[in-house]
PDB file of all heavy atoms in Angstrom:
ATOM      1  N   ALA A   1      -9.088 -10.914  -7.874  1.00  0.00           N
ATOM      2  CA  ALA A   1     -10.164  -9.919  -7.951  1.00  0.00           C
ATOM      3  C   ALA A   1      -9.610  -8.534  -8.250  1.00  0.00           C
ATOM      4  O   ALA A   1     -10.181  -7.776  -9.020  1.00  0.00           O
ATOM      5  CB  ALA A   1     -10.957  -9.924  -6.640  1.00  0.00           C
ATOM      6  N   LEU A   2      -8.474  -8.181  -7.652  1.00  0.00           N
ATOM      7  CA  LEU A   2      -7.866  -6.886  -7.943  1.00  0.00           C
ATOM      8  C   LEU A   2      -7.513  -6.752  -9.430  1.00  0.00           C
ATOM      9  O   LEU A   2      -7.653  -5.689 -10.023  1.00  0.00           O
ATOM     10  CB  LEU A   2      -6.599  -6.663  -7.100  1.00  0.00           C
ATOM     11  CG  LEU A   2      -6.778  -6.364  -5.637  1.00  0.00           C
ATOM     12  CD1 LEU A   2      -5.411  -6.323  -4.932  1.00  0.00           C
ATOM     13  CD2 LEU A   2      -7.529  -5.058  -5.407  1.00  0.00           C
ATOM     14  N   GLY A   3      -7.099  -7.852 -10.009  1.00  0.00           N
ATOM     15  CA  GLY A   3      -6.730  -7.846 -11.429  1.00  0.00           C
ATOM     16  C   GLY A   3      -7.896  -7.613 -12.357  1.00  0.00           C
ATOM     17  O   GLY A   3      -7.700  -7.291 -13.539  1.00  0.00           O
ATOM     18  N   GLN A   4      -9.117  -7.739 -11.853  1.00  0.00           N
ATOM     19  CA  GLN A   4     -10.304  -7.503 -12.657  1.00  0.00           C
ATOM     20  C   GLN A   4     -10.823  -6.057 -12.527  1.00  0.00           C
ATOM     21  O   GLN A   4     -11.734  -5.662 -13.251  1.00  0.00           O
ATOM     22  CB  GLN A   4     -11.423  -8.473 -12.260  1.00  0.00           C
ATOM     23  CG  GLN A   4     -11.061  -9.921 -12.463  1.00  0.00           C
ATOM     24  CD  GLN A   4     -10.719 -10.245 -13.898  1.00  0.00           C
ATOM     25  OE1 GLN A   4     -11.476  -9.918 -14.811  1.00  0.00           O
ATOM     26  NE2 GLN A   4      -9.576 -10.868 -14.121  1.00  0.00           N
ATOM     27  N   LEU A   5     -10.249  -5.302 -11.625  1.00  0.00           N
ATOM     28  CA  LEU A   5     -10.743  -3.920 -11.371  1.00  0.00           C
ATOM     29  C   LEU A   5     -10.049  -2.922 -12.292  1.00  0.00           C
ATOM     30  O   LEU A   5      -8.853  -3.069 -12.574  1.00  0.00           O
ATOM     31  CB  LEU A   5     -10.484  -3.529  -9.911  1.00  0.00           C
ATOM     32  CG  LEU A   5     -11.239  -4.328  -8.844  1.00  0.00           C
ATOM     33  CD1 LEU A   5     -10.802  -3.857  -7.469  1.00  0.00           C
ATOM     34  CD2 LEU A   5     -12.748  -4.125  -9.028  1.00  0.00           C
ATOM     35  N   PRO A   6     -10.771  -1.896 -12.717  1.00  0.00           N
ATOM     36  CA  PRO A   6     -10.170  -0.824 -13.521  1.00  0.00           C
ATOM     37  C   PRO A   6      -9.356   0.125 -12.636  1.00  0.00           C
ATOM     38  O   PRO A   6      -9.740   1.271 -12.386  1.00  0.00           O
ATOM     39  CB  PRO A   6     -11.367  -0.140 -14.151  1.00  0.00           C
ATOM     40  CG  PRO A   6     -12.479  -0.340 -13.181  1.00  0.00           C
ATOM     41  CD  PRO A   6     -12.221  -1.666 -12.550  1.00  0.00           C
ATOM     42  N   LEU A   7      -8.236  -0.387 -12.140  1.00  0.00           N
ATOM     43  CA  LEU A   7      -7.451   0.317 -11.141  1.00  0.00           C
ATOM     44  C   LEU A   7      -5.994  -0.122 -11.280  1.00  0.00           C
ATOM     45  O   LEU A   7      -5.730  -1.310 -11.519  1.00  0.00           O
ATOM     46  CB  LEU A   7      -7.953  -0.057  -9.734  1.00  0.00           C
ATOM     47  CG  LEU A   7      -7.276   0.537  -8.526  1.00  0.00           C
ATOM     48  CD1 LEU A   7      -7.546   2.044  -8.446  1.00  0.00           C
ATOM     49  CD2 LEU A   7      -7.774  -0.156  -7.251  1.00  0.00           C
ATOM     50  N   GLY A   8      -5.060   0.816 -11.155  1.00  0.00           N
ATOM     51  CA  GLY A   8      -3.661   0.453 -11.129  1.00  0.00           C
ATOM     52  C   GLY A   8      -3.233   0.086  -9.709  1.00  0.00           C
ATOM     53  O   GLY A   8      -3.564   0.815  -8.766  1.00  0.00           O
ATOM     54  N   VAL A   9      -2.548  -1.020  -9.549  1.00  0.00           N
ATOM     55  CA  VAL A   9      -2.064  -1.420  -8.215  1.00  0.00           C
ATOM     56  C   VAL A   9      -0.657  -1.991  -8.378  1.00  0.00           C
ATOM     57  O   VAL A   9      -0.456  -2.970  -9.096  1.00  0.00           O
ATOM     58  CB  VAL A   9      -2.975  -2.491  -7.547  1.00  0.00           C
ATOM     59  CG1 VAL A   9      -2.396  -2.916  -6.216  1.00  0.00           C
ATOM     60  CG2 VAL A   9      -4.396  -1.995  -7.407  1.00  0.00           C
ATOM     61  N   LYS A  10       0.288  -1.375  -7.704  1.00  0.00           N
ATOM     62  CA  LYS A  10       1.669  -1.884  -7.643  1.00  0.00           C
ATOM     63  C   LYS A  10       1.941  -2.186  -6.175  1.00  0.00           C
ATOM     64  O   LYS A  10       1.648  -1.372  -5.287  1.00  0.00           O
ATOM     65  CB  LYS A  10       2.658  -0.851  -8.145  1.00  0.00           C
ATOM     66  CG  LYS A  10       2.456  -0.428  -9.586  1.00  0.00           C
ATOM     67  CD  LYS A  10       3.059  -1.372 -10.543  1.00  0.00           C
ATOM     68  CE  LYS A  10       3.010  -0.785 -11.969  1.00  0.00           C
ATOM     69  NZ  LYS A  10       3.557  -1.680 -12.934  1.00  0.00           N
ATOM     70  N   ALA A  11       2.535  -3.339  -5.898  1.00  0.00           N
ATOM     71  CA  ALA A  11       2.850  -3.726  -4.545  1.00  0.00           C
ATOM     72  C   ALA A  11       4.034  -4.702  -4.575  1.00  0.00           C
ATOM     73  O   ALA A  11       4.418  -5.172  -5.646  1.00  0.00           O
ATOM     74  CB  ALA A  11       1.643  -4.390  -3.854  1.00  0.00           C
ATOM     75  N   LEU A  12       4.564  -5.015  -3.403  1.00  0.00           N
ATOM     76  CA  LEU A  12       5.723  -5.903  -3.324  1.00  0.00           C
ATOM     77  C   LEU A  12       5.366  -7.358  -3.593  1.00  0.00           C
ATOM     78  O   LEU A  12       6.113  -8.070  -4.224  1.00  0.00           O
ATOM     79  CB  LEU A  12       6.373  -5.779  -1.952  1.00  0.00           C
ATOM     80  CG  LEU A  12       6.906  -4.419  -1.558  1.00  0.00           C
ATOM     81  CD1 LEU A  12       7.474  -4.446  -0.144  1.00  0.00           C
ATOM     82  CD2 LEU A  12       7.965  -3.957  -2.558  1.00  0.00           C
ATOM     83  N   ALA A  13       4.214  -7.797  -3.034  1.00  0.00           N
ATOM     84  CA  ALA A  13       3.864  -9.228  -3.128  1.00  0.00           C
ATOM     85  C   ALA A  13       2.426  -9.382  -2.669  1.00  0.00           C
ATOM     86  O   ALA A  13       1.762  -8.404  -2.331  1.00  0.00           O
ATOM     87  CB  ALA A  13       4.791 -10.048  -2.220  1.00  0.00           C
ATOM     88  N   THR A  14       1.976 -10.627  -2.655  1.00  0.00           N
ATOM     89  CA  THR A  14       0.666 -10.952  -2.107  1.00  0.00           C
ATOM     90  C   THR A  14       0.853 -11.648  -0.775  1.00  0.00           C
ATOM     91  O   THR A  14       1.898 -12.239  -0.477  1.00  0.00           O
ATOM     92  CB  THR A  14      -0.132 -11.888  -3.038  1.00  0.00           C
ATOM     93  OG1 THR A  14       0.586 -13.098  -3.211  1.00  0.00           O
ATOM     94  CG2 THR A  14      -0.407 -11.221  -4.376  1.00  0.00           C
ATOM     95  N   HIS A  15      -0.191 -11.518   0.068  1.00  0.00           N
ATOM     96  CA  HIS A  15      -0.201 -12.204   1.365  1.00  0.00           C
ATOM     97  C   HIS A  15      -1.652 -12.413   1.761  1.00  0.00           C
ATOM     98  O   HIS A  15      -2.465 -11.498   1.660  1.00  0.00           O
ATOM     99  CB  HIS A  15       0.477 -11.329   2.432  1.00  0.00           C
ATOM    100  CG  HIS A  15       0.902 -12.099   3.642  1.00  0.00           C
ATOM    101  ND1 HIS A  15      -0.014 -12.654   4.510  1.00  0.00           N
ATOM    102  CD2 HIS A  15       2.111 -12.445   4.107  1.00  0.00           C
ATOM    103  CE1 HIS A  15       0.634 -13.283   5.470  1.00  0.00           C
ATOM    104  NE2 HIS A  15       1.936 -13.180   5.238  1.00  0.00           N
ATOM    105  N   PRO A  16      -2.024 -13.618   2.188  1.00  0.00           N
ATOM    106  CA  PRO A  16      -3.431 -13.892   2.472  1.00  0.00           C
ATOM    107  C   PRO A  16      -3.967 -13.280   3.784  1.00  0.00           C
ATOM    108  O   PRO A  16      -5.166 -13.120   3.957  1.00  0.00           O
ATOM    109  CB  PRO A  16      -3.483 -15.417   2.553  1.00  0.00           C
ATOM    110  CG  PRO A  16      -2.104 -15.831   2.931  1.00  0.00           C
ATOM    111  CD  PRO A  16      -1.196 -14.825   2.309  1.00  0.00           C
ATOM    112  N   ARG A  17      -3.062 -12.900   4.681  1.00  0.00           N
ATOM    113  CA  ARG A  17      -3.489 -12.381   5.996  1.00  0.00           C
ATOM    114  C   ARG A  17      -3.879 -10.913   5.893  1.00  0.00           C
ATOM    115  O   ARG A  17      -3.165 -10.116   5.294  1.00  0.00           O
ATOM    116  CB  ARG A  17      -2.374 -12.568   7.010  1.00  0.00           C
ATOM    117  CG  ARG A  17      -2.766 -12.053   8.412  1.00  0.00           C
ATOM    118  CD  ARG A  17      -1.735 -12.458   9.455  1.00  0.00           C
ATOM    119  NE  ARG A  17      -1.914 -13.883   9.711  1.00  0.00           N
ATOM    120  CZ  ARG A  17      -0.911 -14.739   9.852  1.00  0.00           C
ATOM    121  NH1 ARG A  17       0.329 -14.366   9.771  1.00  0.00           N
ATOM    122  NH2 ARG A  17      -1.158 -16.009  10.082  1.00  0.00           N
ATOM    123  N   LYS A  18      -5.023 -10.549   6.543  1.00  0.00           N
ATOM    124  CA  LYS A  18      -5.422  -9.149   6.584  1.00  0.00           C
ATOM    125  C   LYS A  18      -4.618  -8.408   7.654  1.00  0.00           C
ATOM    126  O   LYS A  18      -4.037  -9.019   8.548  1.00  0.00           O
ATOM    127  CB  LYS A  18      -6.909  -9.021   6.850  1.00  0.00           C
ATOM    128  CG  LYS A  18      -7.355  -9.529   8.206  1.00  0.00           C
ATOM    129  CD  LYS A  18      -8.862  -9.435   8.368  1.00  0.00           C
ATOM    130  CE  LYS A  18      -9.289 -10.014   9.713  1.00  0.00           C
ATOM    131  NZ  LYS A  18     -10.746  -9.905   9.887  1.00  0.00           N
ATOM    132  N   SER A  19      -4.617  -7.085   7.549  1.00  0.00           N
ATOM    133  CA  SER A  19      -3.904  -6.263   8.524  1.00  0.00           C
ATOM    134  C   SER A  19      -4.742  -6.063   9.788  1.00  0.00           C
ATOM    135  O   SER A  19      -5.927  -6.362   9.803  1.00  0.00           O
ATOM    136  CB  SER A  19      -3.551  -4.897   7.918  1.00  0.00           C
ATOM    137  OG  SER A  19      -4.694  -4.069   7.922  1.00  0.00           O
ATOM    138  N   VAL A  20      -4.089  -5.494  10.786  1.00  0.00           N
ATOM    139  CA  VAL A  20      -4.818  -5.122  11.985  1.00  0.00           C
ATOM    140  C   VAL A  20      -5.571  -3.813  11.693  1.00  0.00           C
ATOM    141  O   VAL A  20      -5.299  -3.147  10.707  1.00  0.00           O
ATOM    142  CB  VAL A  20      -3.892  -4.926  13.210  1.00  0.00           C
ATOM    143  CG1 VAL A  20      -3.213  -6.234  13.560  1.00  0.00           C
ATOM    144  CG2 VAL A  20      -2.865  -3.836  12.963  1.00  0.00           C
ATOM    145  N   LYS A  21      -6.502  -3.450  12.558  1.00  0.00           N
ATOM    146  CA  LYS A  21      -7.286  -2.232  12.405  1.00  0.00           C
ATOM    147  C   LYS A  21      -7.220  -1.443  13.709  1.00  0.00           C
ATOM    148  O   LYS A  21      -8.096  -1.531  14.541  1.00  0.00           O
ATOM    149  CB  LYS A  21      -8.752  -2.560  12.087  1.00  0.00           C
ATOM    150  CG  LYS A  21      -8.955  -3.582  10.988  1.00  0.00           C
ATOM    151  CD  LYS A  21      -8.707  -3.038   9.625  1.00  0.00           C
ATOM    152  CE  LYS A  21      -9.174  -3.976   8.545  1.00  0.00           C
ATOM    153  NZ  LYS A  21      -8.177  -4.966   8.109  1.00  0.00           N
ATOM    154  N   LEU A  22      -6.151  -0.666  13.880  1.00  0.00           N
ATOM    155  CA  LEU A  22      -5.937   0.077  15.102  1.00  0.00           C
ATOM    156  C   LEU A  22      -6.097   1.581  14.906  1.00  0.00           C
ATOM    157  O   LEU A  22      -6.031   2.344  15.882  1.00  0.00           O
ATOM    158  CB  LEU A  22      -4.559  -0.222  15.692  1.00  0.00           C
ATOM    159  CG  LEU A  22      -4.261  -1.678  16.010  1.00  0.00           C
ATOM    160  CD1 LEU A  22      -2.814  -1.870  16.432  1.00  0.00           C
ATOM    161  CD2 LEU A  22      -5.220  -2.189  17.081  1.00  0.00           C
ATOM    162  N   GLY A  23      -6.264   2.012  13.666  1.00  0.00           N
ATOM    163  CA  GLY A  23      -6.417   3.441  13.393  1.00  0.00           C
ATOM    164  C   GLY A  23      -5.111   4.200  13.442  1.00  0.00           C
ATOM    165  O   GLY A  23      -5.108   5.419  13.609  1.00  0.00           O
ATOM    166  N   SER A  24      -3.984   3.518  13.278  1.00  0.00           N
ATOM    167  CA  SER A  24      -2.685   4.195  13.340  1.00  0.00           C
ATOM    168  C   SER A  24      -2.211   4.576  11.930  1.00  0.00           C
ATOM    169  O   SER A  24      -2.734   4.084  10.938  1.00  0.00           O
ATOM    170  CB  SER A  24      -1.655   3.296  14.021  1.00  0.00           C
ATOM    171  OG  SER A  24      -1.438   2.139  13.253  1.00  0.00           O
ATOM    172  N   GLY A  25      -1.256   5.441  11.881  1.00  0.00           N
ATOM    173  CA  GLY A  25      -0.653   5.888  10.600  1.00  0.00           C
ATOM    174  C   GLY A  25      -0.733   7.378  10.450  1.00  0.00           C
ATOM    175  O   GLY A  25      -1.366   8.083  11.250  1.00  0.00           O
ATOM    176  N   GLN A  26      -0.046   7.872   9.414  1.00  0.00           N
ATOM    177  CA  GLN A  26      -0.008   9.316   9.137  1.00  0.00           C
ATOM    178  C   GLN A  26      -0.302   9.548   7.650  1.00  0.00           C
ATOM    179  O   GLN A  26       0.012   8.715   6.812  1.00  0.00           O
ATOM    180  CB  GLN A  26       1.377   9.862   9.464  1.00  0.00           C
ATOM    181  CG  GLN A  26       1.770   9.744  10.925  1.00  0.00           C
ATOM    182  CD  GLN A  26       3.224  10.103  11.117  1.00  0.00           C
ATOM    183  OE1 GLN A  26       4.117   9.349  10.770  1.00  0.00           O
ATOM    184  NE2 GLN A  26       3.452  11.284  11.656  1.00  0.00           N
ATOM    185  N   LYS A  27      -0.864  10.723   7.365  1.00  0.00           N
ATOM    186  CA  LYS A  27      -1.249  11.080   6.006  1.00  0.00           C
ATOM    187  C   LYS A  27      -0.554  12.368   5.584  1.00  0.00           C
ATOM    188  O   LYS A  27      -0.325  13.259   6.406  1.00  0.00           O
ATOM    189  CB  LYS A  27      -2.770  11.252   5.932  1.00  0.00           C
ATOM    190  CG  LYS A  27      -3.284  11.523   4.545  1.00  0.00           C
ATOM    191  CD  LYS A  27      -4.818  11.598   4.536  1.00  0.00           C
ATOM    192  CE  LYS A  27      -5.308  11.953   3.137  1.00  0.00           C
ATOM    193  NZ  LYS A  27      -6.766  12.054   3.114  1.00  0.00           N
ATOM    194  N   ASP A  28      -0.301  12.473   4.265  1.00  0.00           N
ATOM    195  CA  ASP A  28       0.213  13.692   3.653  1.00  0.00           C
ATOM    196  C   ASP A  28       1.536  14.161   4.234  1.00  0.00           C
ATOM    197  O   ASP A  28       1.687  15.303   4.649  1.00  0.00           O
ATOM    198  CB  ASP A  28      -0.832  14.829   3.732  1.00  0.00           C
ATOM    199  CG  ASP A  28      -2.020  14.570   2.829  1.00  0.00           C
ATOM    200  OD1 ASP A  28      -1.846  13.881   1.801  1.00  0.00           O
ATOM    201  OD2 ASP A  28      -3.134  15.028   3.158  1.00  0.00           O
ATOM    202  N   LEU A  29       2.509  13.259   4.281  1.00  0.00           N
ATOM    203  CA  LEU A  29       3.856  13.624   4.687  1.00  0.00           C
ATOM    204  C   LEU A  29       4.829  12.997   3.701  1.00  0.00           C
ATOM    205  O   LEU A  29       4.493  12.028   3.026  1.00  0.00           O
ATOM    206  CB  LEU A  29       4.146  13.167   6.105  1.00  0.00           C
ATOM    207  CG  LEU A  29       4.312  11.656   6.366  1.00  0.00           C
ATOM    208  CD1 LEU A  29       5.061  11.470   7.685  1.00  0.00           C
ATOM    209  CD2 LEU A  29       2.962  11.006   6.453  1.00  0.00           C
ATOM    210  N   PRO A  30       6.032  13.559   3.572  1.00  0.00           N
ATOM    211  CA  PRO A  30       7.011  12.950   2.685  1.00  0.00           C
ATOM    212  C   PRO A  30       7.371  11.554   3.153  1.00  0.00           C
ATOM    213  O   PRO A  30       7.441  11.288   4.362  1.00  0.00           O
ATOM    214  CB  PRO A  30       8.225  13.885   2.797  1.00  0.00           C
ATOM    215  CG  PRO A  30       7.687  15.171   3.315  1.00  0.00           C
ATOM    216  CD  PRO A  30       6.505  14.794   4.183  1.00  0.00           C
ATOM    217  N   VAL A  31       7.563  10.631   2.206  1.00  0.00           N
ATOM    218  CA  VAL A  31       7.940   9.262   2.499  1.00  0.00           C
ATOM    219  C   VAL A  31       9.117   8.894   1.588  1.00  0.00           C
ATOM    220  O   VAL A  31       9.378   9.557   0.592  1.00  0.00           O
ATOM    221  CB  VAL A  31       6.787   8.261   2.294  1.00  0.00           C
ATOM    222  CG1 VAL A  31       5.651   8.557   3.267  1.00  0.00           C
ATOM    223  CG2 VAL A  31       6.263   8.247   0.854  1.00  0.00           C
ATOM    224  N   ARG A  32       9.781   7.826   1.918  1.00  0.00           N
ATOM    225  CA  ARG A  32      10.851   7.302   1.093  1.00  0.00           C
ATOM    226  C   ARG A  32      10.591   5.821   0.875  1.00  0.00           C
ATOM    227  O   ARG A  32      10.593   5.034   1.822  1.00  0.00           O
ATOM    228  CB  ARG A  32      12.218   7.511   1.730  1.00  0.00           C
ATOM    229  CG  ARG A  32      13.358   7.001   0.856  1.00  0.00           C
ATOM    230  CD  ARG A  32      14.708   7.451   1.337  1.00  0.00           C
ATOM    231  NE  ARG A  32      15.779   6.959   0.481  1.00  0.00           N
ATOM    232  CZ  ARG A  32      16.182   7.528  -0.656  1.00  0.00           C
ATOM    233  NH1 ARG A  32      15.577   8.616  -1.078  1.00  0.00           N
ATOM    234  NH2 ARG A  32      17.148   6.981  -1.381  1.00  0.00           N
ATOM    235  N   ILE A  33      10.333   5.464  -0.386  1.00  0.00           N
ATOM    236  CA  ILE A  33      10.142   4.053  -0.733  1.00  0.00           C
ATOM    237  C   ILE A  33      10.893   3.769  -2.010  1.00  0.00           C
ATOM    238  O   ILE A  33      11.059   4.645  -2.868  1.00  0.00           O
ATOM    239  CB  ILE A  33       8.648   3.651  -0.848  1.00  0.00           C
ATOM    240  CG1 ILE A  33       7.957   4.396  -1.975  1.00  0.00           C
ATOM    241  CG2 ILE A  33       7.906   3.815   0.451  1.00  0.00           C
ATOM    242  CD1 ILE A  33       6.563   3.852  -2.283  1.00  0.00           C
ATOM    243  N   ALA A  34      11.355   2.540  -2.147  1.00  0.00           N
ATOM    244  CA  ALA A  34      12.033   2.081  -3.365  1.00  0.00           C
ATOM    245  C   ALA A  34      13.140   3.045  -3.787  1.00  0.00           C
ATOM    246  O   ALA A  34      13.319   3.306  -4.978  1.00  0.00           O
ATOM    247  CB  ALA A  34      11.013   1.862  -4.484  1.00  0.00           C
ATOM    248  N   GLY A  35      13.875   3.553  -2.813  1.00  0.00           N
ATOM    249  CA  GLY A  35      14.997   4.433  -3.091  1.00  0.00           C
ATOM    250  C   GLY A  35      14.656   5.824  -3.564  1.00  0.00           C
ATOM    251  O   GLY A  35      15.508   6.548  -4.081  1.00  0.00           O
ATOM    252  N   CYS A  36      13.421   6.230  -3.373  1.00  0.00           N
ATOM    253  CA  CYS A  36      12.969   7.533  -3.905  1.00  0.00           C
ATOM    254  C   CYS A  36      12.218   8.308  -2.819  1.00  0.00           C
ATOM    255  O   CYS A  36      11.361   7.752  -2.131  1.00  0.00           O
ATOM    256  CB  CYS A  36      12.049   7.295  -5.086  1.00  0.00           C
ATOM    257  SG  CYS A  36      11.604   8.766  -6.006  1.00  0.00           S
ATOM    258  N   ASP A  37      12.548   9.591  -2.711  1.00  0.00           N
ATOM    259  CA  ASP A  37      11.781  10.471  -1.817  1.00  0.00           C
ATOM    260  C   ASP A  37      10.524  10.930  -2.552  1.00  0.00           C
ATOM    261  O   ASP A  37      10.588  11.382  -3.700  1.00  0.00           O
ATOM    262  CB  ASP A  37      12.628  11.703  -1.434  1.00  0.00           C
ATOM    263  CG  ASP A  37      13.803  11.329  -0.581  1.00  0.00           C
ATOM    264  OD1 ASP A  37      13.642  10.471   0.311  1.00  0.00           O
ATOM    265  OD2 ASP A  37      14.894  11.894  -0.808  1.00  0.00           O
ATOM    266  N   ILE A  38       9.373  10.787  -1.893  1.00  0.00           N
ATOM    267  CA  ILE A  38       8.089  11.086  -2.515  1.00  0.00           C
ATOM    268  C   ILE A  38       7.327  12.011  -1.586  1.00  0.00           C
ATOM    269  O   ILE A  38       7.215  11.741  -0.393  1.00  0.00           O
ATOM    270  CB  ILE A  38       7.292   9.786  -2.775  1.00  0.00           C
ATOM    271  CG1 ILE A  38       8.099   8.840  -3.677  1.00  0.00           C
ATOM    272  CG2 ILE A  38       5.917  10.089  -3.372  1.00  0.00           C
ATOM    273  CD1 ILE A  38       7.491   7.472  -3.827  1.00  0.00           C
TER     274      ILE A  38
END
């Protein structure tokens, strides 16, 4: 279904299990992924 949407999506892999919904996480801070500071 994601492949049919007019949207770019890059991710590591697929997984059928949904995530938890606890309201945790942070927004608008520097991160480091795939060897790059963003």
